[in-house]
Amino acid sequence: MFEAGNIREWRGHDVVDGDGSKIGELEAVYVDTATDQPAFATVVVGLPTRRRLAFVPLAGATVGPDYVRVTVSKKQVKDAPSIGMEGELPAADEGAVFAHYGFEHRADTGGGRRLARR
């Protein structure tokens, strides 16, 4: 396993937790607008008729042959803030994503977004 240098190339791959339990499929990457580094990913979770995109932190993520391993549990992701399959994260909801995982959210001082989808 190695550090995920360009996680954007892993769209469509399985996302697993530290125990190897499949969480879902990587859908998109959100970068921190201050650093342009990957910060969160959206993962397709739920039943086929009730799918949604849950946010997963990418800090410490590693990749294997066919998966991305994240440092949070499947249960944490299941309970995480989410959006609809065609949705977009409203700027006002960014803080909830950070708070769910115990991260500090520092909003952009210029009134812009802290996370941007790439």
N, C-alpha and C. Protein backbone atom coordinates (compact mmCIF):
# COMPACT_ATOMS: atom_id res chain seq x y z
N MET A 1 0.84 -1.17 0.00
CA MET A 1 0.00 0.00 0.00
C MET A 1 0.89 1.24 0.00
N PHE A 2 0.36 2.34 -0.55
CA PHE A 2 1.12 3.57 -0.63
C PHE A 2 0.17 4.75 -0.47
N GLU A 3 0.75 5.90 -0.18
CA GLU A 3 -0.07 7.10 -0.01
C GLU A 3 -0.79 7.42 -1.31
N ALA A 4 -1.99 7.91 -1.20
CA ALA A 4 -2.79 8.25 -2.37
C ALA A 4 -2.34 9.60 -2.91
N GLY A 5 -1.37 9.60 -3.80
CA GLY A 5 -0.83 10.83 -4.35
C GLY A 5 -1.83 11.58 -5.22
N ASN A 6 -2.53 10.89 -6.10
CA ASN A 6 -3.54 11.52 -6.94
C ASN A 6 -4.85 10.75 -6.80
N ILE A 7 -5.54 10.99 -5.72
CA ILE A 7 -6.76 10.27 -5.40
C ILE A 7 -7.84 10.46 -6.46
N ARG A 8 -7.76 11.54 -7.24
CA ARG A 8 -8.77 11.79 -8.27
C ARG A 8 -8.82 10.66 -9.30
N GLU A 9 -7.72 9.97 -9.49
CA GLU A 9 -7.66 8.87 -10.45
C GLU A 9 -8.39 7.63 -9.95
N TRP A 10 -8.84 7.63 -8.71
CA TRP A 10 -9.45 6.45 -8.12
C TRP A 10 -10.98 6.51 -8.12
N ARG A 11 -11.55 7.45 -8.84
CA ARG A 11 -13.02 7.49 -8.95
C ARG A 11 -13.53 6.16 -9.47
N GLY A 12 -14.63 5.70 -8.86
CA GLY A 12 -15.22 4.44 -9.27
C GLY A 12 -14.68 3.24 -8.51
N HIS A 13 -13.59 3.40 -7.78
CA HIS A 13 -13.03 2.29 -7.01
C HIS A 13 -13.75 2.17 -5.66
N ASP A 14 -13.67 0.98 -5.08
CA ASP A 14 -14.25 0.76 -3.77
C ASP A 14 -13.53 1.59 -2.72
N VAL A 15 -14.28 2.05 -1.72
CA VAL A 15 -13.72 2.69 -0.55
C VAL A 15 -13.98 1.74 0.61
N VAL A 16 -12.93 1.43 1.37
CA VAL A 16 -13.04 0.51 2.50
C VAL A 16 -12.53 1.19 3.76
N ASP A 17 -12.99 0.68 4.91
CA ASP A 17 -12.51 1.22 6.18
C ASP A 17 -11.27 0.46 6.62
N GLY A 18 -10.77 0.76 7.80
CA GLY A 18 -9.55 0.14 8.30
C GLY A 18 -9.64 -1.36 8.47
N ASP A 19 -10.86 -1.89 8.64
CA ASP A 19 -11.07 -3.33 8.79
C ASP A 19 -11.27 -4.02 7.44
N GLY A 20 -11.27 -3.24 6.37
CA GLY A 20 -11.48 -3.81 5.04
C GLY A 20 -12.94 -3.91 4.63
N SER A 21 -13.85 -3.40 5.47
CA SER A 21 -15.28 -3.43 5.13
C SER A 21 -15.58 -2.39 4.06
N LYS A 22 -16.27 -2.82 3.02
CA LYS A 22 -16.60 -1.90 1.93
C LYS A 22 -17.62 -0.87 2.41
N ILE A 23 -17.28 0.39 2.17
CA ILE A 23 -18.17 1.50 2.51
C ILE A 23 -19.03 1.86 1.31
N GLY A 24 -18.41 1.92 0.14
CA GLY A 24 -19.11 2.31 -1.07
C GLY A 24 -18.12 2.55 -2.19
N GLU A 25 -18.53 3.31 -3.19
CA GLU A 25 -17.71 3.59 -4.36
C GLU A 25 -17.35 5.07 -4.38
N LEU A 26 -16.07 5.37 -4.63
CA LEU A 26 -15.62 6.76 -4.67
C LEU A 26 -16.26 7.47 -5.86
N GLU A 27 -16.94 8.59 -5.57
CA GLU A 27 -17.66 9.32 -6.62
C GLU A 27 -16.95 10.60 -7.02
N ALA A 28 -16.50 11.38 -6.04
CA ALA A 28 -15.85 12.66 -6.35
C ALA A 28 -14.90 13.02 -5.22
N VAL A 29 -14.01 13.96 -5.54
CA VAL A 29 -13.03 14.45 -4.57
C VAL A 29 -13.28 15.93 -4.34
N TYR A 30 -13.24 16.33 -3.08
CA TYR A 30 -13.36 17.73 -2.69
C TYR A 30 -12.02 18.17 -2.13
N VAL A 31 -11.47 19.25 -2.68
CA VAL A 31 -10.19 19.75 -2.22
C VAL A 31 -10.39 20.94 -1.28
N ASP A 32 -9.40 21.14 -0.43
CA ASP A 32 -9.37 22.30 0.45
C ASP A 32 -8.95 23.47 -0.43
N THR A 33 -9.77 24.50 -0.51
CA THR A 33 -9.48 25.62 -1.42
C THR A 33 -8.24 26.40 -1.01
N ALA A 34 -7.82 26.30 0.25
CA ALA A 34 -6.62 27.01 0.70
C ALA A 34 -5.35 26.32 0.23
N THR A 35 -5.38 25.00 0.10
CA THR A 35 -4.18 24.24 -0.24
C THR A 35 -4.27 23.51 -1.57
N ASP A 36 -5.46 23.38 -2.13
CA ASP A 36 -5.75 22.59 -3.34
C ASP A 36 -5.37 21.12 -3.15
N GLN A 37 -5.39 20.65 -1.91
CA GLN A 37 -5.10 19.25 -1.60
C GLN A 37 -6.41 18.52 -1.33
N PRO A 38 -6.51 17.24 -1.70
CA PRO A 38 -7.72 16.48 -1.42
C PRO A 38 -8.02 16.47 0.08
N ALA A 39 -9.26 16.79 0.45
CA ALA A 39 -9.66 16.83 1.85
C ALA A 39 -10.76 15.81 2.15
N PHE A 40 -11.74 15.72 1.29
CA PHE A 40 -12.86 14.79 1.46
C PHE A 40 -13.18 14.16 0.11
N ALA A 41 -13.85 13.03 0.19
CA ALA A 41 -14.40 12.39 -1.00
C ALA A 41 -15.88 12.14 -0.74
N THR A 42 -16.64 12.05 -1.80
CA THR A 42 -18.00 11.57 -1.66
C THR A 42 -18.00 10.11 -2.08
N VAL A 43 -18.74 9.32 -1.32
CA VAL A 43 -18.83 7.89 -1.54
C VAL A 43 -20.29 7.52 -1.71
N VAL A 44 -20.58 6.75 -2.74
CA VAL A 44 -21.95 6.29 -2.99
C VAL A 44 -22.28 5.24 -1.93
N VAL A 45 -23.32 5.52 -1.13
CA VAL A 45 -23.76 4.59 -0.09
C VAL A 45 -25.27 4.42 -0.17
N GLY A 46 -25.76 3.40 0.51
CA GLY A 46 -27.20 3.18 0.57
C GLY A 46 -27.67 2.08 -0.36
N LEU A 47 -28.97 1.84 -0.29
CA LEU A 47 -29.60 0.83 -1.13
C LEU A 47 -29.73 1.34 -2.56
N PRO A 48 -29.79 0.45 -3.54
CA PRO A 48 -29.88 0.89 -4.93
C PRO A 48 -31.01 1.89 -5.21
N THR A 49 -32.11 1.78 -4.50
CA THR A 49 -33.21 2.71 -4.73
C THR A 49 -33.13 3.97 -3.86
N ARG A 50 -32.19 3.99 -2.93
CA ARG A 50 -32.07 5.13 -2.01
C ARG A 50 -30.61 5.54 -1.84
N ARG A 51 -29.91 5.65 -2.91
CA ARG A 51 -28.49 6.01 -2.85
C ARG A 51 -28.31 7.48 -2.51
N ARG A 52 -27.17 7.75 -1.89
CA ARG A 52 -26.78 9.11 -1.53
C ARG A 52 -25.27 9.19 -1.54
N LEU A 53 -24.75 10.39 -1.46
CA LEU A 53 -23.31 10.62 -1.43
C LEU A 53 -22.91 11.07 -0.03
N ALA A 54 -22.15 10.26 0.66
CA ALA A 54 -21.68 10.58 2.00
C ALA A 54 -20.25 11.11 1.91
N PHE A 55 -19.93 12.03 2.81
CA PHE A 55 -18.59 12.62 2.83
C PHE A 55 -17.65 11.82 3.72
N VAL A 56 -16.43 11.58 3.21
CA VAL A 56 -15.41 10.80 3.90
C VAL A 56 -14.10 11.60 3.87
N PRO A 57 -13.43 11.76 5.03
CA PRO A 57 -12.15 12.47 5.01
C PRO A 57 -11.07 11.63 4.33
N LEU A 58 -10.17 12.30 3.61
CA LEU A 58 -9.11 11.60 2.90
C LEU A 58 -7.76 11.67 3.62
N ALA A 59 -7.70 12.35 4.75
CA ALA A 59 -6.43 12.40 5.51
C ALA A 59 -6.01 10.98 5.86
N GLY A 60 -4.80 10.61 5.50
CA GLY A 60 -4.28 9.29 5.81
C GLY A 60 -4.76 8.19 4.89
N ALA A 61 -5.52 8.53 3.85
CA ALA A 61 -6.01 7.50 2.92
C ALA A 61 -4.85 6.85 2.18
N THR A 62 -4.99 5.55 1.95
CA THR A 62 -4.02 4.80 1.18
C THR A 62 -4.77 4.03 0.10
N VAL A 63 -4.05 3.61 -0.90
CA VAL A 63 -4.70 2.87 -1.98
C VAL A 63 -4.07 1.50 -2.13
N GLY A 64 -4.91 0.55 -2.54
CA GLY A 64 -4.48 -0.80 -2.85
C GLY A 64 -4.77 -1.05 -4.31
N PRO A 65 -4.69 -2.28 -4.75
CA PRO A 65 -4.90 -2.57 -6.17
C PRO A 65 -6.26 -2.12 -6.71
N ASP A 66 -7.31 -2.28 -5.93
CA ASP A 66 -8.66 -1.96 -6.42
C ASP A 66 -9.49 -1.19 -5.41
N TYR A 67 -8.85 -0.53 -4.47
CA TYR A 67 -9.62 0.14 -3.42
C TYR A 67 -8.86 1.32 -2.85
N VAL A 68 -9.60 2.17 -2.16
CA VAL A 68 -9.04 3.26 -1.37
C VAL A 68 -9.41 2.96 0.07
N ARG A 69 -8.42 2.92 0.95
CA ARG A 69 -8.67 2.65 2.37
C ARG A 69 -8.63 3.98 3.13
N VAL A 70 -9.69 4.24 3.88
CA VAL A 70 -9.77 5.47 4.68
C VAL A 70 -9.61 5.12 6.15
N THR A 71 -9.36 6.13 6.96
CA THR A 71 -9.06 5.90 8.37
C THR A 71 -10.28 5.95 9.27
N VAL A 72 -11.46 6.17 8.72
CA VAL A 72 -12.68 6.23 9.52
C VAL A 72 -13.48 4.95 9.33
N SER A 73 -14.39 4.69 10.27
CA SER A 73 -15.17 3.45 10.21
C SER A 73 -16.36 3.58 9.25
N LYS A 74 -16.84 2.44 8.83
CA LYS A 74 -18.03 2.38 7.97
C LYS A 74 -19.21 3.04 8.67
N LYS A 75 -19.36 2.82 9.97
CA LYS A 75 -20.46 3.42 10.73
C LYS A 75 -20.37 4.94 10.74
N GLN A 76 -19.16 5.48 10.91
CA GLN A 76 -19.00 6.93 10.87
C GLN A 76 -19.47 7.49 9.55
N VAL A 77 -19.13 6.82 8.46
CA VAL A 77 -19.52 7.28 7.13
C VAL A 77 -21.03 7.17 6.97
N LYS A 78 -21.62 6.08 7.45
CA LYS A 78 -23.07 5.89 7.35
C LYS A 78 -23.81 7.04 8.03
N ASP A 79 -23.26 7.54 9.13
CA ASP A 79 -23.90 8.62 9.89
C ASP A 79 -23.45 10.01 9.45
N ALA A 80 -22.59 10.09 8.46
CA ALA A 80 -22.01 11.36 8.03
C ALA A 80 -23.01 12.21 7.24
N PRO A 81 -22.77 13.52 7.20
CA PRO A 81 -23.59 14.38 6.32
C PRO A 81 -23.51 13.87 4.88
N SER A 82 -24.62 13.99 4.17
CA SER A 82 -24.65 13.49 2.80
C SER A 82 -25.49 14.42 1.93
N ILE A 83 -25.41 14.17 0.64
CA ILE A 83 -26.18 14.91 -0.35
C ILE A 83 -26.80 13.90 -1.31
N GLY A 84 -27.77 14.33 -2.09
CA GLY A 84 -28.37 13.47 -3.10
C GLY A 84 -27.37 13.15 -4.21
N MET A 85 -27.69 12.17 -5.00
CA MET A 85 -26.78 11.71 -6.06
C MET A 85 -26.44 12.81 -7.06
N GLU A 86 -27.32 13.73 -7.29
CA GLU A 86 -27.05 14.82 -8.22
C GLU A 86 -26.83 16.14 -7.48
N GLY A 87 -26.73 16.04 -6.17
CA GLY A 87 -26.64 17.24 -5.34
C GLY A 87 -25.26 17.86 -5.28
N GLU A 88 -25.23 19.00 -4.64
CA GLU A 88 -23.98 19.71 -4.40
C GLU A 88 -24.00 20.17 -2.95
N LEU A 89 -22.86 20.13 -2.30
CA LEU A 89 -22.77 20.54 -0.91
C LEU A 89 -22.92 22.05 -0.79
N PRO A 90 -23.99 22.52 -0.11
CA PRO A 90 -24.13 23.97 0.09
C PRO A 90 -23.01 24.48 1.00
N ALA A 91 -22.53 25.68 0.73
CA ALA A 91 -21.45 26.26 1.53
C ALA A 91 -21.82 26.29 3.00
N ALA A 92 -23.07 26.54 3.32
CA ALA A 92 -23.51 26.62 4.71
C ALA A 92 -23.41 25.28 5.43
N ASP A 93 -23.34 24.17 4.69
CA ASP A 93 -23.28 22.83 5.29
C ASP A 93 -21.86 22.29 5.43
N GLU A 94 -20.87 23.03 4.94
CA GLU A 94 -19.49 22.55 5.03
C GLU A 94 -19.06 22.30 6.47
N GLY A 95 -19.44 23.20 7.37
CA GLY A 95 -19.06 23.06 8.77
C GLY A 95 -19.52 21.75 9.39
N ALA A 96 -20.71 21.29 9.01
CA ALA A 96 -21.24 20.04 9.54
C ALA A 96 -20.40 18.84 9.10
N VAL A 97 -19.87 18.88 7.89
CA VAL A 97 -19.02 17.80 7.41
C VAL A 97 -17.75 17.72 8.25
N PHE A 98 -17.11 18.86 8.46
CA PHE A 98 -15.89 18.91 9.26
C PHE A 98 -16.19 18.47 10.70
N ALA A 99 -17.26 19.00 11.28
CA ALA A 99 -17.60 18.71 12.68
C ALA A 99 -17.89 17.23 12.90
N HIS A 100 -18.54 16.58 11.94
CA HIS A 100 -18.89 15.17 12.09
C HIS A 100 -17.65 14.32 12.36
N TYR A 101 -16.54 14.68 11.75
CA TYR A 101 -15.30 13.92 11.91
C TYR A 101 -14.35 14.55 12.93
N GLY A 102 -14.81 15.58 13.62
CA GLY A 102 -14.00 16.20 14.67
C GLY A 102 -12.92 17.13 14.16
N PHE A 103 -13.09 17.66 12.95
CA PHE A 103 -12.12 18.58 12.37
C PHE A 103 -12.59 20.01 12.55
N GLU A 104 -11.64 20.91 12.71
CA GLU A 104 -11.96 22.33 12.80
C GLU A 104 -12.30 22.85 11.41
N HIS A 105 -13.34 23.65 11.31
CA HIS A 105 -13.73 24.24 10.04
C HIS A 105 -13.45 25.73 10.11
N ARG A 106 -12.52 26.15 9.29
CA ARG A 106 -12.21 27.58 9.18
C ARG A 106 -12.73 28.04 7.83
N ALA A 107 -13.81 28.79 7.87
CA ALA A 107 -14.40 29.28 6.63
C ALA A 107 -13.45 30.25 5.95
N ASP A 108 -13.50 30.28 4.65
CA ASP A 108 -12.69 31.22 3.88
C ASP A 108 -13.07 32.63 4.29
N THR A 109 -12.08 33.45 4.61
CA THR A 109 -12.35 34.80 5.10
C THR A 109 -12.93 35.70 4.02
N GLY A 110 -12.76 35.37 2.77
CA GLY A 110 -13.32 36.17 1.68
C GLY A 110 -14.76 35.82 1.38
N GLY A 111 -15.37 34.98 2.21
CA GLY A 111 -16.75 34.59 1.98
C GLY A 111 -16.90 33.44 1.01
N GLY A 112 -15.78 32.88 0.55
CA GLY A 112 -15.83 31.77 -0.39
C GLY A 112 -15.95 30.43 0.31
N ARG A 113 -15.89 29.41 -0.48
CA ARG A 113 -16.03 28.04 0.03
C ARG A 113 -14.70 27.52 0.54
N ARG A 114 -14.78 26.60 1.47
CA ARG A 114 -13.59 25.92 1.99
C ARG A 114 -13.33 24.65 1.18
N LEU A 115 -14.40 24.03 0.64
CA LEU A 115 -14.28 22.81 -0.14
C LEU A 115 -14.75 23.06 -1.57
N ALA A 116 -14.01 22.50 -2.51
CA ALA A 116 -14.39 22.59 -3.92
C ALA A 116 -14.31 21.22 -4.56
N ARG A 117 -15.32 20.88 -5.32
CA ARG A 117 -15.36 19.58 -6.01
C ARG A 117 -14.42 19.62 -7.20
N ARG A 118 -13.64 18.59 -7.34
CA ARG A 118 -12.72 18.49 -8.48
C ARG A 118 -12.98 17.25 -9.27
